[in-house]
């Protein structure tokens, strides 16, 4: 079966309008138009204009196109199709984006937050393809999550299901999601940078040098610099990733015990630093998770790479 899909990816700095074709579960992106996110009204006008122009160029209409999928950072209301003041989109207060798109192009539209959209993308076209119960974790700058349960996206009562990054794993620790010791605090780019800065500061205060903090400048430490040092064999940097991996494993154990998924798909940092993370992550899972649940759950790196943002919005359309 061949289906036309339209997608709109709304980000804090960039937006994109995409046309894709699904042929029996294989997706081909046919065209993409990318542009800067500027002022609210100007950006919305550009989105509507580009969707309408793309549909006209390719004769896409409600008869031959499944839907328009719209991916945007939350908070939002997926049921009413309204964007609700996302922090990365100042001024976007109660924007009825679904209604606007449907009126502009005459094709059904669906709105989802970006983490849920990425979960759909990995489930339909990426590493989680073929599963019925899957958890997706972004593990990038932050720790976003999306849940596919019993073959359907699960968004919860008001689109807040899957906010796993907010779980507190320790009374003290790096801050993520506005909470010290949270899952995101220990397992995210920002959290690993904080762990690296703490470890480096401790060594520097004892008069020891840290190769990945040149001149004692701990403010320059990022998850990437720590990973590069760890890959080169630096024991202090390896210890930072060991700590992050340990807490990742603890959090995954909670998800495994509660949700009993077939797969947990993890993106970004896990994909790039899997060798540093996996042994200590599994050690924590072996210790913490129910054996029967852990035995049927695969922990796998995300498969869509940099294309996930484009595929995410199309996946919303394909899954409606």
Foldseek 3Di string as FASTA:
>chain_A
DKAWEWEWEDFLFKIKIWIWIADPLAIDTDDMDMDTDDADVVNLVVRLVVLQVVCVVVVNAQVRHLEYFYEAADDDFQVQCFHDQDVSHHPRHGHNSQVSNCVSGVYHYTYAYNQQLLVLLCCRHKDNDPWQWEKEWALEQFTFIWTRHRNHTDQPDGSPPGRQQQAAPDQAAADDPNHGRGLRLLGHFNNLLVLQLVLQVVQVVVVHHDPLCPPVNSVPGTLVSLLVCVVVPDPSSLVSLLRSLLSLLQSVQVCLQPRLTQEYEYEDPCVVRVVSRVVSSVVNNVVRHDVVSVVRYYYYYIGPPPCSSVSSRRSSSVRD
